[in-house]
Protein backbone atom coordinates (compact mmCIF):
# COMPACT_ATOMS: atom_id res chain seq x y z
CA UNK A 1 99.09 -24.21 -77.43
CA UNK A 2 100.14 -22.42 -74.14
CA UNK A 3 98.34 -22.47 -71.04
CA UNK A 4 98.93 -20.69 -67.21
CA UNK A 5 97.13 -21.50 -64.18
CA UNK A 6 96.86 -18.11 -61.62
CA UNK A 7 94.81 -15.32 -60.71
CA UNK A 8 92.68 -14.01 -63.77
CA UNK A 9 91.99 -10.23 -64.28
CA UNK A 10 90.28 -9.25 -67.31
CA UNK A 11 86.84 -7.62 -68.19
CA UNK A 12 83.05 -8.12 -69.68
CA UNK A 13 81.55 -5.61 -72.53
CA UNK A 14 80.17 -3.22 -70.37
CA UNK A 15 84.09 -2.81 -68.25
CA UNK A 16 83.39 -4.18 -65.29
CA UNK A 17 85.76 -6.90 -63.81
CA UNK A 18 85.50 -10.37 -64.16
CA UNK A 19 88.59 -12.07 -61.96
CA UNK A 20 89.03 -15.51 -60.93
CA UNK A 21 91.62 -17.04 -57.46
CA UNK A 22 92.13 -19.98 -59.32
CA UNK A 23 92.27 -19.21 -62.81
CA UNK A 24 93.15 -20.86 -66.00
CA UNK A 25 94.16 -18.77 -69.71
CA UNK A 26 95.32 -20.08 -72.34
CA UNK A 27 96.87 -19.09 -76.01
CA UNK A 28 97.84 -20.34 -78.92
CA UNK A 29 99.09 -18.70 -82.27
CA UNK A 30 96.66 -17.30 -85.05
CA UNK A 31 97.39 -18.02 -88.88
CA UNK A 32 99.89 -15.21 -89.11
CA UNK A 33 101.69 -16.97 -85.89
CA UNK A 34 100.73 -14.85 -83.27
CA UNK A 35 99.32 -15.79 -80.09
CA UNK A 36 96.20 -15.43 -78.56
CA UNK A 37 93.37 -15.76 -76.36
CA UNK A 38 91.55 -19.09 -76.97
CA UNK A 39 90.27 -20.03 -73.25
CA UNK A 40 90.26 -17.97 -70.06
CA UNK A 41 87.87 -18.70 -67.10
CA UNK A 42 87.63 -20.76 -64.39
CA UNK A 43 90.38 -23.65 -64.14
CA UNK A 44 87.85 -26.23 -62.89
CA UNK A 45 85.28 -25.45 -65.36
CA UNK A 46 88.19 -25.35 -68.69
CA UNK A 47 90.70 -27.35 -67.81
CA UNK A 48 88.93 -30.41 -68.88
CA UNK A 49 88.78 -28.72 -72.27
CA UNK A 50 92.26 -29.35 -72.77
CA UNK A 51 92.89 -32.52 -71.81
CA UNK A 52 96.95 -33.33 -72.01
CA UNK A 53 98.15 -29.97 -71.92
CA UNK A 54 100.79 -28.50 -70.17
CA UNK A 55 100.16 -26.19 -67.33
CA UNK A 56 102.33 -22.81 -66.00
CA UNK A 57 101.12 -22.98 -62.92
CA UNK A 58 101.48 -19.59 -61.39
CA UNK A 59 98.82 -20.39 -58.51
CA UNK A 60 100.63 -17.38 -55.96
CA UNK A 61 100.55 -14.89 -59.19
CA UNK A 62 98.13 -12.30 -61.20
CA UNK A 63 97.54 -12.63 -64.48
CA UNK A 64 96.56 -9.36 -65.93
CA UNK A 65 95.90 -7.79 -69.30
CA UNK A 66 99.20 -5.95 -70.63
CA UNK A 67 99.13 -2.46 -69.68
CA UNK A 68 98.24 0.26 -72.87
CA UNK A 69 99.91 3.10 -72.59
CA UNK A 70 98.07 6.23 -74.88
CA UNK A 71 100.77 8.85 -74.75
CA UNK A 72 104.25 8.63 -74.23
CA UNK A 73 107.88 10.09 -76.35
CA UNK A 74 109.90 7.79 -76.10
CA UNK A 75 112.64 10.49 -77.04
CA UNK A 76 111.77 12.44 -73.65
CA UNK A 77 113.18 9.57 -71.22
CA UNK A 78 115.95 11.40 -70.77
CA UNK A 79 114.36 14.17 -69.46
CA UNK A 80 112.41 12.99 -66.70
CA UNK A 81 112.38 14.24 -64.02
CA UNK A 82 113.21 17.62 -65.02
CA UNK A 83 112.81 20.75 -62.82
CA UNK A 84 111.10 23.64 -65.00
CA UNK A 85 108.16 26.38 -63.99
CA UNK A 86 105.83 24.94 -66.16
CA UNK A 87 104.42 23.36 -69.76
CA UNK A 88 106.55 25.90 -71.84
CA UNK A 89 109.60 27.00 -70.27
CA UNK A 90 110.28 22.78 -69.55
CA UNK A 91 110.21 22.73 -73.65
CA UNK A 92 112.40 24.89 -73.89
CA UNK A 93 115.21 24.26 -71.45
CA UNK A 94 115.12 20.92 -71.54
CA UNK A 95 113.02 18.95 -73.75
CA UNK A 96 114.11 20.86 -77.67
CA UNK A 97 117.76 21.10 -76.64
CA UNK A 98 117.52 17.06 -76.24
CA UNK A 99 115.12 15.84 -78.69
CA UNK A 100 117.55 18.23 -81.35
CA UNK A 101 119.60 15.07 -80.37
CA UNK A 102 117.48 12.70 -82.43
CA UNK A 103 118.60 13.58 -86.31
CA UNK A 104 121.50 10.87 -85.06
CA UNK A 105 120.51 7.44 -86.02
CA UNK A 106 123.09 5.65 -83.86
CA UNK A 107 122.21 8.01 -80.46
CA UNK A 108 118.01 7.72 -81.33
CA UNK A 109 118.47 3.40 -81.59
CA UNK A 110 120.67 3.57 -78.28
CA UNK A 111 117.23 5.23 -76.65
CA UNK A 112 114.59 3.68 -78.40
CA UNK A 113 116.78 0.31 -76.89
CA UNK A 114 116.64 1.74 -73.18
CA UNK A 115 112.77 3.17 -73.79
CA UNK A 116 111.26 0.12 -74.99
CA UNK A 117 113.20 -2.30 -72.29
CA UNK A 118 111.75 0.08 -70.21
CA UNK A 119 108.05 -0.44 -70.88
CA UNK A 120 107.94 -4.30 -70.82
CA UNK A 121 110.00 -4.07 -67.50
CA UNK A 122 107.11 -2.03 -65.98
CA UNK A 123 104.12 -4.36 -67.75
CA UNK A 124 103.30 -2.10 -70.86
CA UNK A 125 103.12 -4.02 -74.06
CA UNK A 126 100.97 -1.58 -76.09
CA UNK A 127 102.04 1.88 -76.61
CA UNK A 128 101.00 5.43 -78.72
CA UNK A 129 104.44 7.20 -79.00
CA UNK A 130 106.07 10.20 -80.08
CA UNK A 131 109.00 10.55 -81.88
CA UNK A 132 110.87 13.66 -83.11
CA UNK A 133 110.96 15.57 -86.18
CA UNK A 134 113.68 13.50 -87.53
CA UNK A 135 112.83 10.75 -89.38
CA UNK A 136 115.53 8.90 -88.02
CA UNK A 137 113.90 8.83 -84.73
CA UNK A 138 110.69 7.25 -86.26
CA UNK A 139 112.88 4.40 -87.98
CA UNK A 140 114.84 3.42 -84.62
CA UNK A 141 111.36 3.17 -82.67
CA UNK A 142 110.68 0.68 -85.06
CA UNK A 143 112.63 -1.55 -84.95
CA UNK A 144 113.17 -1.75 -81.22
CA UNK A 145 109.36 -2.52 -81.06
CA UNK A 146 109.47 -4.64 -84.26
CA UNK A 147 112.17 -6.37 -82.85
CA UNK A 148 110.39 -7.09 -79.37
CA UNK A 149 107.49 -8.09 -81.05
CA UNK A 150 105.36 -5.09 -79.24
CA UNK A 151 102.28 -3.63 -81.08
CA UNK A 152 103.08 -0.09 -81.20
CA UNK A 153 102.14 2.76 -82.74
CA UNK A 154 104.29 5.92 -83.58
CA UNK A 155 105.13 9.08 -86.12
CA UNK A 156 106.98 11.78 -87.26
CA UNK A 157 106.59 14.96 -85.42
CA UNK A 158 105.36 18.06 -87.69
CA UNK A 159 106.62 21.29 -86.14
CA UNK A 160 107.75 23.54 -88.44
CA UNK A 161 107.15 26.58 -86.97
CA UNK A 162 107.90 28.40 -83.19
CA UNK A 163 110.44 26.07 -82.36
CA UNK A 164 114.57 26.23 -82.04
CA UNK A 165 116.80 25.40 -84.62
CA UNK A 166 117.35 21.58 -84.41
CA UNK A 167 113.82 20.05 -83.92
CA UNK A 168 112.22 22.99 -86.43
CA UNK A 169 111.27 20.95 -89.83
CA UNK A 170 110.31 22.32 -93.13
CA UNK A 171 106.41 21.96 -94.35
CA UNK A 172 106.59 20.39 -97.45
CA UNK A 173 109.62 18.15 -96.68
CA UNK A 174 108.05 17.07 -93.13
CA UNK A 175 104.93 15.93 -95.14
CA UNK A 176 107.03 13.97 -97.89
CA UNK A 177 108.79 12.18 -95.04
CA UNK A 178 105.60 11.67 -92.83
CA UNK A 179 103.65 10.08 -95.88
CA UNK A 180 106.87 8.04 -97.02
CA UNK A 181 107.72 6.49 -93.74
CA UNK A 182 104.03 6.31 -93.45
CA UNK A 183 103.74 3.62 -96.26
CA UNK A 184 107.21 1.88 -94.91
CA UNK A 185 105.76 1.16 -91.31
CA UNK A 186 102.25 1.30 -91.56
CA UNK A 187 100.72 -2.35 -90.65
CA UNK A 188 103.45 -4.19 -90.94
CA UNK A 189 103.49 -6.36 -88.11
CA UNK A 190 101.77 -5.00 -84.93
CA UNK A 191 103.25 -2.05 -85.86
CA UNK A 192 100.68 1.29 -86.83
CA UNK A 193 101.67 5.06 -87.62
CA UNK A 194 100.75 8.18 -86.66
CA UNK A 195 100.51 11.42 -87.97
CA UNK A 196 101.49 13.75 -85.37
CA UNK A 197 101.38 17.36 -85.24
CA UNK A 198 103.54 18.30 -82.17
CA UNK A 199 100.62 20.75 -80.80
CA UNK A 200 98.77 23.60 -82.68
CA UNK A 201 101.09 26.31 -81.96
CA UNK A 202 104.28 24.64 -83.50
CA UNK A 203 102.97 23.95 -86.43
CA UNK A 204 101.73 26.79 -90.09
CA UNK A 205 98.64 26.44 -91.02
CA UNK A 206 100.38 24.58 -94.36
CA UNK A 207 101.40 22.09 -91.94
CA UNK A 208 98.56 21.04 -90.84
CA UNK A 209 96.41 21.36 -93.71
CA UNK A 210 98.87 18.92 -95.38
CA UNK A 211 98.52 16.71 -92.02
CA UNK A 212 94.98 16.50 -92.20
CA UNK A 213 94.99 15.76 -95.92
CA UNK A 214 97.14 12.85 -95.15
CA UNK A 215 94.62 11.91 -92.41
CA UNK A 216 92.09 11.79 -94.94
CA UNK A 217 93.71 10.04 -97.54
CA UNK A 218 95.20 6.70 -95.04
CA UNK A 219 92.04 6.56 -92.71
CA UNK A 220 93.01 3.41 -91.38
CA UNK A 221 96.12 5.19 -89.46
CA UNK A 222 96.75 7.22 -86.19
CA UNK A 223 96.28 11.29 -85.22
CA UNK A 224 98.27 12.01 -81.86
CA UNK A 225 98.27 15.64 -81.10
CA UNK A 226 98.07 17.59 -77.88
CA UNK A 227 95.61 19.86 -76.61
CA UNK A 228 94.29 22.18 -73.83
CA UNK A 229 96.96 21.10 -71.55
CA UNK A 230 97.92 24.28 -70.08
CA UNK A 231 96.29 28.13 -70.21
CA UNK A 232 99.39 30.36 -71.90
CA UNK A 233 99.22 27.04 -74.12
CA UNK A 234 95.44 28.04 -74.96
CA UNK A 235 96.06 31.41 -75.01
CA UNK A 236 98.58 31.35 -77.29
CA UNK A 237 96.64 29.23 -79.55
CA UNK A 238 93.99 31.90 -79.66
CA UNK A 239 96.30 34.05 -80.79
CA UNK A 240 98.10 32.17 -83.51
CA UNK A 241 94.25 30.87 -84.48
CA UNK A 242 91.77 33.73 -84.07
CA UNK A 243 89.35 32.54 -87.03
CA UNK A 244 88.96 29.21 -84.83
CA UNK A 245 86.44 28.36 -82.75
CA UNK A 246 88.09 27.15 -79.95
CA UNK A 247 91.68 25.09 -79.13
CA UNK A 248 90.48 22.09 -80.34
CA UNK A 249 88.45 24.05 -83.21
CA UNK A 250 91.55 24.43 -84.34
CA UNK A 251 91.94 20.45 -85.01
CA UNK A 252 88.74 19.93 -86.36
CA UNK A 253 89.48 22.88 -89.46
CA UNK A 254 92.33 21.27 -90.42
CA UNK A 255 90.17 17.89 -90.24
CA UNK A 256 92.61 16.23 -87.69
CA UNK A 257 89.70 15.22 -85.61
CA UNK A 258 88.10 12.33 -86.58
CA UNK A 259 88.38 8.00 -85.17
CA UNK A 260 91.80 7.65 -84.40
CA UNK A 261 92.90 11.00 -83.36
CA UNK A 262 93.99 10.86 -80.33
CA UNK A 263 94.83 14.47 -78.00
CA UNK A 264 96.87 14.66 -74.96
CA UNK A 265 95.62 16.07 -72.16
CA UNK A 266 91.98 17.90 -72.84
CA UNK A 267 92.29 19.08 -69.41
CA UNK A 268 90.96 23.22 -70.14
CA UNK A 269 87.73 22.17 -72.55
CA UNK A 270 84.53 23.80 -72.60
CA UNK A 271 81.37 21.77 -72.77
CA UNK A 272 81.49 22.76 -76.95
CA UNK A 273 84.76 20.58 -76.83
CA UNK A 274 83.97 17.72 -75.25
CA UNK A 275 80.61 17.05 -77.75
CA UNK A 276 83.36 17.67 -80.62
CA UNK A 277 84.97 15.44 -79.42
CA UNK A 278 82.30 13.13 -78.87
CA UNK A 279 80.94 13.70 -82.36
CA UNK A 280 84.20 13.31 -84.41
CA UNK A 281 85.42 10.53 -82.47
CA UNK A 282 88.57 12.18 -81.02
CA UNK A 283 89.94 10.54 -77.57
CA UNK A 284 92.01 12.38 -74.92
CA UNK A 285 95.08 10.97 -73.15
CA UNK A 286 94.24 11.23 -69.26
CA UNK A 287 98.37 11.81 -68.60
CA UNK A 288 97.47 12.56 -64.10
CA UNK A 289 101.50 12.25 -63.64
CA UNK A 290 102.72 14.74 -65.69
CA UNK A 291 99.91 17.42 -64.96
CA UNK A 292 100.48 17.28 -61.36
CA UNK A 293 103.89 17.09 -62.38
CA UNK A 294 103.76 20.51 -64.36
CA UNK A 295 100.98 22.19 -62.27
CA UNK A 296 98.77 22.14 -65.42
CA UNK A 297 95.59 21.57 -64.41
CA UNK A 298 93.02 18.57 -63.87
CA UNK A 299 90.95 16.41 -66.36
CA UNK A 300 87.35 16.21 -65.17
CA UNK A 301 85.96 12.82 -65.93
CA UNK A 302 82.55 13.88 -64.80
CA UNK A 303 82.24 15.88 -67.17
CA UNK A 304 83.73 13.95 -69.76
CA UNK A 305 81.62 11.15 -68.75
CA UNK A 306 78.58 13.57 -68.83
CA UNK A 307 79.83 13.96 -72.89
CA UNK A 308 80.15 10.24 -73.72
CA UNK A 309 83.97 11.38 -74.67
CA UNK A 310 86.79 8.88 -74.67
CA UNK A 311 89.53 8.50 -72.90
CA UNK A 312 92.46 5.92 -71.07
CA UNK A 313 95.59 6.67 -69.13
CA UNK A 314 98.65 7.67 -70.02
CA UNK A 315 102.39 8.02 -68.49
CA UNK A 316 103.10 11.08 -70.80
CA UNK A 317 107.01 10.36 -70.05
CA UNK A 318 109.03 12.44 -69.50
CA UNK A 319 106.37 14.96 -68.65
CA UNK A 320 105.25 12.15 -66.64
CA UNK A 321 106.92 10.68 -63.61
CA UNK A 322 107.17 7.29 -64.02
CA UNK A 323 106.83 4.69 -67.16
CA UNK A 324 105.35 2.77 -64.15
CA UNK A 325 101.09 2.47 -64.99
CA UNK A 326 100.74 1.65 -60.75
CA UNK A 327 101.43 5.59 -60.34
CA UNK A 328 99.86 6.70 -63.54
CA UNK A 329 96.78 4.94 -61.92
CA UNK A 330 97.42 6.65 -58.38
CA UNK A 331 97.86 10.31 -59.98
CA UNK A 332 94.64 9.53 -61.78
CA UNK A 333 92.54 8.64 -58.35
CA UNK A 334 93.90 11.51 -56.69
CA UNK A 335 93.18 14.30 -59.98
CA UNK A 336 89.43 12.37 -59.42
CA UNK A 337 88.96 13.32 -56.37
CA UNK A 338 90.40 16.91 -56.62
CA UNK A 339 89.53 17.66 -59.85
CA UNK A 340 86.19 17.95 -60.70
CA UNK A 341 83.39 19.79 -61.87
CA UNK A 342 81.93 18.12 -57.87
CA UNK A 343 85.16 17.29 -56.23
CA UNK A 344 85.26 14.05 -54.18
CA UNK A 345 85.06 11.53 -57.49
CA UNK A 346 86.18 8.41 -55.58
CA UNK A 347 87.45 6.50 -59.00
CA UNK A 348 86.90 2.44 -58.27
CA UNK A 349 90.84 0.74 -58.53
CA UNK A 350 88.98 -1.19 -61.16
CA UNK A 351 87.98 1.27 -63.33
CA UNK A 352 91.38 2.15 -63.08
CA UNK A 353 92.88 -0.50 -64.31
CA UNK A 354 90.43 -0.22 -66.94
CA UNK A 355 91.23 2.90 -68.27
CA UNK A 356 94.93 1.48 -68.83
CA UNK A 357 93.94 -1.32 -70.18
CA UNK A 358 90.78 -2.26 -71.90
CA UNK A 359 89.11 1.15 -72.05
CA UNK A 360 92.87 2.47 -73.54
CA UNK A 361 92.45 -0.20 -76.10
CA UNK A 362 89.23 1.03 -76.89
CA UNK A 363 89.75 4.72 -77.10
CA UNK A 364 92.56 3.38 -79.45
CA UNK A 365 89.86 1.61 -81.62
CA UNK A 366 92.02 -1.45 -81.08
CA UNK A 367 88.55 -3.04 -78.84
CA UNK A 368 89.04 -6.61 -79.02
CA UNK A 369 92.56 -7.04 -80.31
CA UNK A 370 95.01 -5.82 -76.72
CA UNK A 371 94.17 -4.69 -73.46
CA UNK A 372 91.97 -7.37 -72.96
CA UNK A 373 92.06 -11.11 -72.42
CA UNK A 374 88.77 -12.35 -74.34
CA UNK A 375 88.49 -15.16 -76.55
CA UNK A 376 90.84 -13.53 -79.60
CA UNK A 377 92.29 -10.84 -78.16
CA UNK A 378 96.43 -11.18 -78.78
CA UNK A 379 97.65 -12.82 -75.86
CA UNK A 380 99.59 -9.20 -74.20
CA UNK A 381 99.54 -10.40 -70.55
CA UNK A 382 101.70 -9.84 -67.21
CA UNK A 383 102.05 -12.08 -64.62
CA UNK A 384 102.28 -10.05 -61.07
CA UNK A 385 103.02 -10.95 -58.16
CA UNK A 386 100.73 -9.33 -55.08
CA UNK A 387 103.74 -10.10 -52.61
CA UNK A 388 106.38 -8.10 -54.21
CA UNK A 389 107.45 -6.39 -51.37
CA UNK A 390 106.80 -6.35 -47.29
CA UNK A 391 104.14 -3.97 -46.99
CA UNK A 392 102.58 -5.23 -50.13
CA UNK A 393 102.56 -8.92 -49.02
CA UNK A 394 101.10 -7.71 -45.41
CA UNK A 395 98.21 -5.66 -47.47
CA UNK A 396 96.89 -7.62 -49.81
CA UNK A 397 97.25 -10.91 -47.68
CA UNK A 398 94.57 -8.97 -46.13
CA UNK A 399 92.16 -8.21 -48.75
CA UNK A 400 88.46 -9.50 -48.91
CA UNK A 401 87.33 -8.50 -52.52
CA UNK A 402 88.93 -7.74 -55.55
CA UNK A 403 88.31 -3.83 -55.21
CA UNK A 404 90.78 -4.23 -52.38
CA UNK A 405 93.15 -5.61 -53.59
CA UNK A 406 93.51 -3.70 -57.29
CA UNK A 407 93.58 -0.90 -54.87
CA UNK A 408 96.73 -2.32 -53.10
CA UNK A 409 98.73 -2.89 -56.53
CA UNK A 410 98.00 0.20 -57.69
CA UNK A 411 98.96 2.71 -54.26
CA UNK A 412 102.02 0.02 -52.84
CA UNK A 413 102.92 -1.39 -56.30
CA UNK A 414 105.76 -0.46 -58.53
CA UNK A 415 108.06 -2.59 -61.05
CA UNK A 416 108.97 -5.01 -58.63
CA UNK A 417 104.97 -6.33 -58.59
CA UNK A 418 105.65 -7.31 -62.75
CA UNK A 419 107.86 -10.41 -63.04
CA UNK A 420 106.91 -11.63 -66.38
CA UNK A 421 105.90 -9.36 -69.18
CA UNK A 422 104.37 -11.21 -72.65
CA UNK A 423 103.53 -9.79 -75.89
CA UNK A 424 101.58 -11.62 -78.41
CA UNK A 425 102.96 -14.74 -76.26
CA UNK A 426 106.13 -14.16 -76.35
CA UNK A 427 107.75 -13.54 -72.65
CA UNK A 428 110.30 -10.22 -72.70
CA UNK A 429 113.87 -11.52 -71.55
CA UNK A 430 114.75 -8.76 -69.69
CA UNK A 431 112.36 -9.25 -66.83
CA UNK A 432 111.71 -12.84 -65.01
CA UNK A 433 111.83 -11.33 -61.83
CA UNK A 434 110.97 -14.37 -59.02
């Protein structure tokens, strides 16, 4: 067993924060050797249940669930911050040329190693990630995540049309490669496979149909793609699939809307689209820094909540501008203020935090597994320093509520706040900031 004394944040089943200013977190390995939470709560109420247990004393720190990133592109690590007029020019000029390099396994391994170190440096312990159309990119990512003990999901990108040489794949072989990778990696350690059409305009009907058949044969896998990010993209999808009821409906027509289906962006959806998301169990990955950077639009929280559709937060690197969950939560706050059916929504800091931890885990179908620090959850957590910078220290010392403390961290925090990251109870060696 391991025990940690610090301020402690977690969430109940109604999405409400549970906070112990002087808390105790106790972890121990399960039958597979993965550390899980055995107890979490007030130090004074729990410590007598564990006589003689040594305790790591971090009373000047905050322990919180590890962050969950619902949508990120590891091959785009090196195109973050590239200027463009919008989504489609950005893909043409930066993303596709760079992704073509991932046919080289050695290059893919080098980027994957940097990417996962960066995730852990920012406190991200679970990620649903795009690779490229090259099988070598998928293998490199799984191997790097496995070596770090991360809970991680990815898959080979499917794109057999409207894509340049170097990233365009061949329909039949792309589906064979996807199934081969799925059978090799899904369910190994903490890894999962995602069937990954890049987006409907990059896939022929035959490839989408094959993806849907894979999804039906392997219901425990994930599905990930993009939808309704940009108005030009929406018009393009309508031109390519005129028989579909909507851009989102294209995926439904091919059996790609179900539980564990995650669609990035979901900005330009109709009321009917949101109802379809709710009925099917598909969820949205909200990518506020990317949407603001590319000028794509705003995710409508009020409309999503009215429809009852699920969602969680995502960085969307490299369209997204930071690996930092703090930057993502702050951007989501701006989106809430500006981009709603009725502008002026003020998302509570604890709501934003929930969207990037327990809420994102719930949306991924991993409720009770990651994203929270309730007993039974895997011991993915971050140790945060509320005084990591002089300005942050000055502000947090004056916080007189949990919401003020969390909002100060969101507004003023960055990776310097993350002093240690634990994945399934194992500490990332690259951190250890004091």
